[in-house]
Amino acid sequence: MSLQVETLEKNMAKLTIEVSAEDLEEAMQKAYQKQKGSITLPGFRKGKAPRKMIERMYGKGVFLEEAVNNLIPQAYSNEVSDCSLEIVSQPEISIVQAEPGKALIFTADVALKPDVTLGEYKGMEVPKSEISVTDEEVDAEIRKEIEKNSRVVETEGPAENGDTVTLDFEGFVDEVAFEGGKGTDYPLTLGSNSFIPGFEEQLVGANAGDHVEVKVTFPEAYQAEELAGKDAVFQCDIKKVERKEYPELDDEFAQEVSEFDTLAEYKEDVKKNLVEKKEKEALQAKEDAAVEKAVANAQMEIPEAMIDTQARQMLDDFARRMQSQGLSMEQYVQFTGQSIDQMLEEMKPQALQRIQTRLVLEKVAEVENTQPTEEEVEEELAKMAEMYKMEVEKIKELFGERELDQMKKDMAVQKAVTLIAEAAAEVE
């Protein structure tokens, strides 16, 4: 195999890769061995036809396509791993020559990692974040804890807003039941506005065992066109009414939800945690603002292919998150009406921002030599071991050289972020 590199404009390169005729012949023979079992020729048992007879019948290139498809990824990977180019995109492959008995020649257009010219990245002015916690914020945080510790009980009294009623219902338009208008043992929280406007309000005051006739008018813009603007009557049978009971806000509550004996101590701890949270948010805001300015002050030329590759990676990440929630990309596309191409296009601005930010931070890390020490690397591995409940040595075993190098790069980049942020001046 051989590799020739032609540097193009805008940080692009054309790689010309040649695979020997002998390697192509070997790949074609493998393709023959794989496919012969499904090929039948007159006078031969299935799977027993000689290669030359098959090629005479179907042409010399009958096994060429599979051979080429198998050779190209392997040849590209081998040549790229041995060269010093920093390739930052998927290759765009074009076949130059693919004939039996001749060398296989193909080209790969790739994006190369752009060089960055740093501008000002130290001493920049960024907005100062105010760190203060009000009594109202503390109360709101405690209300969340009260909500978490509430319990649902069945009540004999009339339903109120906020209660959950379980009901059977069936809807009629002009005294005819309509499709989708029936439900059994349906839990409906009054005041949630999850049903047609006016429906939930008519169940306020109902008791378990009551039959309620609910009269509503479907909105003019209702999704089911045959019901839009129509008057409807729902026959509802209330099966039960449930209400949340909340704990008293007192010392006993504080003891239940915290390590403190008194409500006053618990409130003070909630306030302290909110301050710490706001301090972290303020630091993050300062880092983001400082890095954003450093990126704006830098100069670089980002190849479009690099942006396309980043956007594709972001889409793949999104697809994995959807899959973890039980939703395939095919279903997501169907529900949203958005095509994959549209999603990729929408992701490109964010992809560009990610690329620019990473490149600038890597350049600052290089200029400022923010490489982590061995002790810092060991500390990071120890944190990972604790997170995954594993021994440090086991983590090291699982890490290959590439993964360890990537971790060190990420640590160097984070130190560059810290350096830029610490050098920034906060202004009111």
Protein backbone atom coordinates (compact mmCIF):
# COMPACT_ATOMS: atom_id res chain seq x y z
CA MET A 1 0.00 0.00 0.00
CA SER A 2 1.08 3.59 -0.53
CA LEU A 3 -0.20 7.01 0.51
CA GLN A 4 0.09 10.38 -1.18
CA VAL A 5 -1.13 13.56 0.51
CA GLU A 6 -2.27 16.68 -1.34
CA THR A 7 -2.99 19.70 0.86
CA LEU A 8 -6.07 21.63 -0.21
CA GLU A 9 -7.57 24.98 0.80
CA LYS A 10 -9.47 25.59 4.04
CA ASN A 11 -7.64 22.89 6.05
CA MET A 12 -8.68 20.08 3.74
CA ALA A 13 -6.48 17.35 2.28
CA LYS A 14 -6.85 14.70 -0.42
CA LEU A 15 -5.31 11.35 0.43
CA THR A 16 -4.59 9.03 -2.49
CA ILE A 17 -4.24 5.44 -1.33
CA GLU A 18 -3.06 2.59 -3.54
CA VAL A 19 -3.64 -1.08 -2.69
CA SER A 20 -1.59 -3.63 -4.62
CA ALA A 21 -3.14 -5.84 -7.30
CA GLU A 22 -2.13 -8.85 -5.19
CA ASP A 23 -4.11 -7.59 -2.19
CA LEU A 24 -7.10 -6.89 -4.41
CA GLU A 25 -6.89 -10.40 -5.86
CA GLU A 26 -6.75 -11.90 -2.37
CA ALA A 27 -9.85 -9.89 -1.36
CA MET A 28 -11.70 -11.05 -4.49
CA GLN A 29 -10.85 -14.66 -3.69
CA LYS A 30 -12.27 -14.18 -0.18
CA ALA A 31 -15.43 -12.68 -1.71
CA TYR A 32 -15.70 -15.74 -3.99
CA GLN A 33 -15.36 -18.12 -1.04
CA LYS A 34 -18.08 -16.20 0.80
CA GLN A 35 -20.54 -15.95 -2.11
CA LYS A 36 -20.07 -19.24 -3.97
CA GLY A 37 -22.53 -21.09 -1.75
CA SER A 38 -25.39 -18.97 -3.08
CA ILE A 39 -24.40 -19.20 -6.78
CA THR A 40 -25.73 -21.90 -9.11
CA LEU A 41 -24.36 -22.61 -12.59
CA PRO A 42 -25.70 -25.21 -15.02
CA GLY A 43 -23.70 -28.43 -14.71
CA PHE A 44 -22.42 -27.67 -11.21
CA ARG A 45 -23.87 -28.39 -7.79
CA LYS A 46 -24.77 -25.31 -5.78
CA GLY A 47 -21.64 -23.87 -4.17
CA LYS A 48 -19.27 -25.96 -6.34
CA ALA A 49 -18.93 -23.72 -9.42
CA PRO A 50 -15.29 -22.66 -10.04
CA ARG A 51 -14.54 -18.98 -9.75
CA LYS A 52 -13.39 -18.70 -13.36
CA MET A 53 -16.65 -20.19 -14.61
CA ILE A 54 -18.67 -17.75 -12.49
CA GLU A 55 -16.60 -14.82 -13.77
CA ARG A 56 -17.03 -16.03 -17.35
CA MET A 57 -20.79 -16.12 -16.81
CA TYR A 58 -21.23 -12.90 -14.82
CA GLY A 59 -18.11 -10.91 -15.71
CA LYS A 60 -14.67 -10.56 -14.13
CA GLY A 61 -15.94 -7.95 -11.72
CA VAL A 62 -18.58 -10.14 -10.11
CA PHE A 63 -16.62 -10.31 -6.84
CA LEU A 64 -15.01 -6.90 -7.22
CA GLU A 65 -17.56 -4.76 -5.38
CA GLU A 66 -17.43 -6.76 -2.15
CA ALA A 67 -13.64 -6.95 -2.34
CA VAL A 68 -13.34 -3.18 -2.75
CA ASN A 69 -15.87 -2.48 0.03
CA ASN A 70 -13.85 -4.68 2.37
CA LEU A 71 -10.45 -3.30 1.39
CA ILE A 72 -11.14 0.43 1.53
CA PRO A 73 -11.91 0.81 5.29
CA GLN A 74 -8.95 -1.38 6.23
CA ALA A 75 -6.53 0.34 3.85
CA TYR A 76 -7.69 3.81 4.93
CA SER A 77 -7.36 2.96 8.62
CA ASN A 78 -3.88 1.47 8.19
CA GLU A 79 -2.50 4.39 6.18
CA VAL A 80 -4.02 7.07 8.42
CA SER A 81 -2.73 5.46 11.62
CA ASP A 82 0.80 5.47 10.22
CA CYS A 83 0.83 9.10 9.07
CA SER A 84 1.23 12.28 11.14
CA LEU A 85 -1.92 14.03 9.91
CA GLU A 86 -4.50 15.13 12.50
CA ILE A 87 -7.71 14.18 10.70
CA VAL A 88 -10.90 15.61 12.22
CA SER A 89 -13.64 14.41 9.87
CA GLN A 90 -15.03 11.30 8.29
CA PRO A 91 -13.42 10.65 4.88
CA GLU A 92 -15.26 11.29 1.63
CA ILE A 93 -14.20 8.34 -0.52
CA SER A 94 -13.89 8.34 -4.31
CA ILE A 95 -12.66 5.33 -6.31
CA VAL A 96 -10.09 6.18 -8.98
CA GLN A 97 -9.28 2.67 -10.21
CA ALA A 98 -10.86 -0.67 -9.38
CA GLU A 99 -10.21 -3.39 -11.95
CA PRO A 100 -9.27 -7.05 -11.57
CA GLY A 101 -5.55 -7.53 -12.10
CA LYS A 102 -4.73 -3.89 -11.32
CA ALA A 103 -4.00 -1.95 -8.16
CA LEU A 104 -6.98 -0.48 -6.31
CA ILE A 105 -6.65 3.30 -6.13
CA PHE A 106 -9.01 5.54 -4.18
CA THR A 107 -8.98 9.03 -2.70
CA ALA A 108 -10.22 10.27 0.67
CA ASP A 109 -11.05 13.95 1.18
CA VAL A 110 -10.56 14.76 4.86
CA ALA A 111 -10.52 17.80 7.12
CA LEU A 112 -7.31 18.51 9.04
CA LYS A 113 -7.19 20.01 12.51
CA PRO A 114 -7.04 23.79 12.01
CA ASP A 115 -4.30 25.88 13.57
CA VAL A 116 -5.45 28.55 16.02
CA THR A 117 -4.06 32.05 16.40
CA LEU A 118 -4.87 33.15 19.92
CA GLY A 119 -5.98 36.67 20.69
CA GLU A 120 -6.41 38.06 24.19
CA TYR A 121 -7.35 35.35 26.68
CA LYS A 122 -6.10 36.78 29.97
CA GLY A 123 -7.37 39.75 31.92
CA MET A 124 -10.64 40.08 30.07
CA GLU A 125 -13.66 41.68 31.72
CA VAL A 126 -16.68 39.50 32.45
CA PRO A 127 -19.97 40.26 34.25
CA LYS A 128 -19.95 39.68 38.00
CA SER A 129 -22.62 37.34 39.35
CA GLU A 130 -24.43 38.33 42.53
CA ILE A 131 -24.47 35.58 45.14
CA SER A 132 -27.30 36.11 47.59
CA VAL A 133 -30.07 33.88 48.90
CA THR A 134 -33.43 35.31 49.96
CA ASP A 135 -35.83 33.92 52.57
CA GLU A 136 -38.28 33.28 49.74
CA GLU A 137 -35.76 31.03 47.97
CA VAL A 138 -35.16 29.10 51.19
CA ASP A 139 -38.92 28.69 51.67
CA ALA A 140 -39.31 27.49 48.07
CA GLU A 141 -36.60 24.87 48.60
CA ILE A 142 -38.28 23.67 51.78
CA ARG A 143 -41.65 23.49 50.00
CA LYS A 144 -40.05 21.06 47.53
CA GLU A 145 -39.03 18.85 50.45
CA ILE A 146 -42.52 19.09 51.92
CA GLU A 147 -43.95 18.05 48.56
CA LYS A 148 -41.58 15.07 48.41
CA ASN A 149 -42.74 13.97 51.85
CA SER A 150 -46.45 14.35 51.16
CA ARG A 151 -48.73 11.31 51.02
CA VAL A 152 -51.84 10.64 49.01
CA VAL A 153 -54.96 9.61 50.93
CA GLU A 154 -58.47 8.81 49.80
CA THR A 155 -60.98 11.38 51.02
CA GLU A 156 -64.74 11.24 51.60
CA GLY A 157 -65.16 14.96 51.12
CA PRO A 158 -65.97 16.82 47.88
CA ALA A 159 -63.17 17.13 45.32
CA GLU A 160 -61.09 20.31 45.32
CA ASN A 161 -58.57 21.75 42.91
CA GLY A 162 -55.35 19.80 43.35
CA ASP A 163 -57.17 16.58 44.19
CA THR A 164 -56.95 13.55 41.93
CA VAL A 165 -60.25 11.99 40.93
CA THR A 166 -60.43 8.52 39.41
CA LEU A 167 -63.32 8.31 36.98
CA ASP A 168 -64.97 6.43 34.15
CA PHE A 169 -66.18 8.71 31.36
CA GLU A 170 -67.70 8.62 27.90
CA GLY A 171 -68.21 11.57 25.57
CA PHE A 172 -71.12 12.22 23.19
CA VAL A 173 -71.70 14.73 20.39
CA ASP A 174 -75.35 15.03 19.34
CA GLU A 175 -76.03 12.03 21.62
CA VAL A 176 -73.63 9.85 19.61
CA ALA A 177 -70.48 8.48 21.27
CA PHE A 178 -67.31 9.53 19.45
CA GLU A 179 -64.03 7.69 18.99
CA GLY A 180 -61.42 8.33 21.68
CA GLY A 181 -63.96 9.82 24.09
CA LYS A 182 -64.08 6.96 26.54
CA GLY A 183 -61.91 6.18 29.56
CA THR A 184 -61.94 3.76 32.47
CA ASP A 185 -60.28 4.24 35.88
CA TYR A 186 -58.72 7.43 34.57
CA PRO A 187 -56.78 9.47 37.18
CA LEU A 188 -57.34 13.20 36.62
CA THR A 189 -55.75 15.91 38.75
CA LEU A 190 -58.18 18.82 38.99
CA GLY A 191 -56.60 22.11 38.00
CA SER A 192 -53.95 20.44 35.84
CA ASN A 193 -55.66 21.69 32.65
CA SER A 194 -54.92 18.37 30.98
CA PHE A 195 -58.49 17.97 29.69
CA ILE A 196 -60.65 20.15 27.45
CA PRO A 197 -61.17 23.68 28.90
CA GLY A 198 -64.10 23.66 31.33
CA PHE A 199 -64.04 19.92 31.98
CA GLU A 200 -62.10 19.80 35.25
CA GLU A 201 -63.92 22.74 36.81
CA GLN A 202 -67.24 20.84 36.60
CA LEU A 203 -65.83 17.99 38.71
CA VAL A 204 -64.93 20.28 41.62
CA GLY A 205 -67.30 19.45 44.47
CA ALA A 206 -68.01 15.91 43.31
CA ASN A 207 -67.83 13.00 45.75
CA ALA A 208 -66.86 9.37 45.23
CA GLY A 209 -69.89 7.53 43.85
CA ASP A 210 -71.37 10.62 42.14
CA HIS A 211 -72.46 10.68 38.52
CA VAL A 212 -71.62 14.02 36.87
CA GLU A 213 -72.70 15.24 33.47
CA VAL A 214 -69.99 17.52 32.08
CA LYS A 215 -70.84 19.85 29.20
CA VAL A 216 -67.99 21.35 27.17
CA THR A 217 -67.25 22.85 23.77
CA PHE A 218 -64.23 21.59 21.86
CA PRO A 219 -61.81 24.38 20.81
CA GLU A 220 -62.02 25.54 17.21
CA ALA A 221 -58.37 24.51 16.72
CA TYR A 222 -58.84 21.03 18.23
CA GLN A 223 -56.55 18.37 16.76
CA ALA A 224 -59.45 16.07 15.78
CA GLU A 225 -61.10 18.14 13.05
CA GLU A 226 -64.42 16.26 13.28
CA LEU A 227 -64.77 17.50 16.90
CA ALA A 228 -63.43 21.05 16.49
CA GLY A 229 -65.93 23.62 17.73
CA LYS A 230 -68.54 20.97 18.61
CA ASP A 231 -70.58 20.87 21.84
CA ALA A 232 -70.09 17.64 23.78
CA VAL A 233 -71.50 15.94 26.88
CA PHE A 234 -69.38 13.61 29.01
CA GLN A 235 -71.09 11.14 31.34
CA CYS A 236 -68.72 10.73 34.28
CA ASP A 237 -68.78 8.31 37.20
CA ILE A 238 -66.51 9.35 40.07
CA LYS A 239 -64.93 6.25 41.64
CA LYS A 240 -62.66 7.89 44.21
CA VAL A 241 -61.18 11.21 45.28
CA GLU A 242 -57.59 11.41 46.54
CA ARG A 243 -55.88 14.30 48.25
CA LYS A 244 -52.31 15.02 49.26
CA GLU A 245 -51.55 15.41 52.93
CA TYR A 246 -48.53 17.48 53.84
CA PRO A 247 -46.37 17.23 56.97
CA GLU A 248 -46.30 20.08 59.47
CA LEU A 249 -43.30 22.37 59.10
CA ASP A 250 -41.78 22.00 62.56
CA ASP A 251 -38.81 20.54 64.43
CA GLU A 252 -40.13 17.02 63.90
CA PHE A 253 -40.18 17.56 60.13
CA ALA A 254 -36.59 18.86 60.27
CA GLN A 255 -35.53 15.73 62.14
CA GLU A 256 -37.24 13.52 59.55
CA VAL A 257 -35.61 15.06 56.48
CA SER A 258 -32.21 16.14 57.82
CA GLU A 259 -29.55 15.55 60.46
CA PHE A 260 -30.68 18.58 62.45
CA ASP A 261 -32.84 18.72 65.59
CA THR A 262 -34.55 22.04 64.99
CA LEU A 263 -36.32 23.75 62.11
CA ALA A 264 -34.07 26.79 62.52
CA GLU A 265 -30.92 24.69 62.05
CA TYR A 266 -32.45 22.93 59.06
CA LYS A 267 -33.35 26.25 57.41
CA GLU A 268 -29.82 27.55 57.98
CA ASP A 269 -28.41 24.42 56.29
CA VAL A 270 -30.78 24.83 53.34
CA LYS A 271 -29.58 28.42 52.97
CA LYS A 272 -25.92 27.33 53.13
CA ASN A 273 -26.50 24.73 50.39
CA LEU A 274 -28.24 27.31 48.21
CA VAL A 275 -25.28 29.68 48.63
CA GLU A 276 -22.86 26.92 47.62
CA LYS A 277 -25.03 26.09 44.61
CA LYS A 278 -25.09 29.74 43.53
CA GLU A 279 -21.32 30.00 44.00
CA LYS A 280 -20.82 27.06 41.66
CA GLU A 281 -23.25 28.58 39.16
CA ALA A 282 -21.41 31.91 39.38
CA LEU A 283 -18.07 30.21 38.76
CA GLN A 284 -19.53 28.35 35.78
CA ALA A 285 -20.97 31.61 34.41
CA LYS A 286 -17.58 33.31 34.82
CA GLU A 287 -15.78 30.45 33.06
CA ASP A 288 -18.32 30.42 30.23
CA ALA A 289 -18.12 34.18 29.71
CA ALA A 290 -14.31 34.24 29.81
CA VAL A 291 -13.91 31.30 27.45
CA GLU A 292 -16.51 32.77 25.07
CA LYS A 293 -14.47 35.99 24.86
CA ALA A 294 -11.23 34.05 24.35
CA VAL A 295 -12.85 32.16 21.48
CA ALA A 296 -14.17 35.39 19.94
CA ASN A 297 -10.67 36.90 20.11
CA ALA A 298 -9.03 33.91 18.38
CA GLN A 299 -8.69 33.27 14.66
CA MET A 300 -9.15 29.91 12.94
CA GLU A 301 -10.63 28.48 9.76
CA ILE A 302 -12.96 25.56 10.41
CA PRO A 303 -13.53 23.18 7.45
CA GLU A 304 -17.15 22.37 6.72
CA ALA A 305 -16.43 18.64 6.86
CA MET A 306 -15.29 19.02 10.46
CA ILE A 307 -18.58 20.73 11.35
CA ASP A 308 -20.55 17.98 9.57
CA THR A 309 -18.72 15.28 11.53
CA GLN A 310 -19.31 17.06 14.87
CA ALA A 311 -23.01 17.54 14.08
CA ARG A 312 -23.30 13.85 13.20
CA GLN A 313 -21.68 12.89 16.52
CA MET A 314 -24.12 15.16 18.37
CA LEU A 315 -27.04 13.54 16.55
CA ASP A 316 -25.72 10.07 17.43
CA ASP A 317 -25.50 11.12 21.10
CA PHE A 318 -29.07 12.42 20.92
CA ALA A 319 -30.24 9.15 19.36
CA ARG A 320 -28.62 7.16 22.18
CA ARG A 321 -30.38 9.33 24.78
CA MET A 322 -33.71 8.81 23.00
CA GLN A 323 -33.04 5.07 22.84
CA SER A 324 -32.39 4.97 26.60
CA GLN A 325 -35.86 6.48 27.03
CA GLY A 326 -37.42 3.83 24.80
CA LEU A 327 -37.82 6.02 21.71
CA SER A 328 -36.13 5.26 18.39
CA MET A 329 -35.01 7.98 16.00
CA GLU A 330 -37.56 6.72 13.48
CA GLN A 331 -40.32 7.32 16.04
CA TYR A 332 -38.90 10.71 17.04
CA VAL A 333 -38.79 11.83 13.41
CA GLN A 334 -42.37 10.65 12.93
CA PHE A 335 -43.64 12.46 16.04
CA THR A 336 -41.84 15.75 15.35
CA GLY A 337 -42.15 15.84 11.56
CA GLN A 338 -38.46 16.78 11.38
CA SER A 339 -36.11 14.98 9.01
CA ILE A 340 -32.62 13.81 9.97
CA ASP A 341 -31.13 16.34 7.53
CA GLN A 342 -33.10 19.15 9.18
CA MET A 343 -31.88 18.08 12.61
CA LEU A 344 -28.28 17.99 11.41
CA GLU A 345 -28.62 21.45 9.90
CA GLU A 346 -30.03 22.85 13.15
CA MET A 347 -27.15 21.33 15.11
CA LYS A 348 -24.42 22.90 12.97
CA PRO A 349 -24.18 26.27 14.82
CA GLN A 350 -23.74 24.47 18.14
CA ALA A 351 -21.30 22.05 16.49
CA LEU A 352 -19.22 24.99 15.25
CA GLN A 353 -19.23 26.57 18.72
CA ARG A 354 -18.07 23.32 20.32
CA ILE A 355 -15.26 22.93 17.80
CA GLN A 356 -14.03 26.52 18.18
CA THR A 357 -14.12 26.31 21.98
CA ARG A 358 -12.22 23.04 22.10
CA LEU A 359 -9.57 24.22 19.63
CA VAL A 360 -8.94 27.47 21.53
CA LEU A 361 -8.72 25.68 24.88
CA GLU A 362 -6.33 23.09 23.43
CA LYS A 363 -4.16 25.92 22.10
CA VAL A 364 -4.14 27.70 25.47
CA ALA A 365 -3.26 24.39 27.14
CA GLU A 366 -0.35 24.03 24.72
CA VAL A 367 0.91 27.61 25.13
CA GLU A 368 0.51 27.62 28.94
CA ASN A 369 1.65 24.00 29.33
CA THR A 370 -1.30 23.01 31.50
CA GLN A 371 -0.58 19.29 31.21
CA PRO A 372 -1.65 17.40 34.35
CA THR A 373 0.98 15.94 36.64
CA GLU A 374 1.17 12.22 37.33
CA GLU A 375 -0.26 12.90 40.80
CA GLU A 376 -3.26 14.70 39.28
CA VAL A 377 -3.83 11.84 36.84
CA GLU A 378 -3.75 9.35 39.74
CA GLU A 379 -6.24 11.50 41.67
CA GLU A 380 -8.59 11.56 38.68
CA LEU A 381 -8.37 7.80 38.28
CA ALA A 382 -9.11 7.41 42.01
CA LYS A 383 -12.24 9.58 41.62
CA MET A 384 -13.41 7.43 38.72
CA ALA A 385 -12.77 4.27 40.72
CA GLU A 386 -14.86 5.63 43.58
CA MET A 387 -17.64 6.67 41.21
CA TYR A 388 -17.85 3.23 39.59
CA LYS A 389 -17.18 1.32 42.84
CA MET A 390 -14.08 -0.31 41.39
CA GLU A 391 -10.42 -0.69 42.30
CA VAL A 392 -8.05 1.88 40.79
CA GLU A 393 -5.96 -0.89 39.24
CA LYS A 394 -9.08 -2.28 37.53
CA ILE A 395 -9.84 1.15 36.07
CA LYS A 396 -6.27 1.31 34.75
CA GLU A 397 -6.68 -2.13 33.17
CA LEU A 398 -9.84 -1.02 31.39
CA PHE A 399 -8.15 2.13 30.09
CA GLY A 400 -6.21 1.72 26.87
CA GLU A 401 -3.45 4.11 25.86
CA ARG A 402 -5.83 6.12 23.70
CA GLU A 403 -8.39 6.51 26.53
CA LEU A 404 -5.68 7.58 28.98
CA ASP A 405 -4.30 10.14 26.51
CA GLN A 406 -7.82 11.51 25.97
CA MET A 407 -8.34 11.84 29.72
CA LYS A 408 -5.06 13.76 30.05
CA LYS A 409 -6.09 16.07 27.18
CA ASP A 410 -9.44 16.73 28.86
CA MET A 411 -7.69 17.52 32.14
CA ALA A 412 -5.30 19.92 30.38
CA VAL A 413 -8.26 21.65 28.72
CA GLN A 414 -10.07 22.03 32.06
CA LYS A 415 -6.94 23.57 33.58
CA ALA A 416 -6.88 26.00 30.64
CA VAL A 417 -10.50 26.94 31.44
CA THR A 418 -9.53 27.60 35.07
CA LEU A 419 -6.52 29.67 33.99
CA ILE A 420 -8.62 31.86 31.67
CA ALA A 421 -11.36 32.33 34.28
CA GLU A 422 -8.97 33.16 37.14
CA ALA A 423 -7.25 35.78 35.01
CA ALA A 424 -10.58 37.43 34.08
CA ALA A 425 -11.71 40.58 35.89
CA GLU A 426 -15.31 40.64 37.13
CA VAL A 427 -17.14 43.92 36.63
CA GLU A 428 -20.52 45.08 37.90
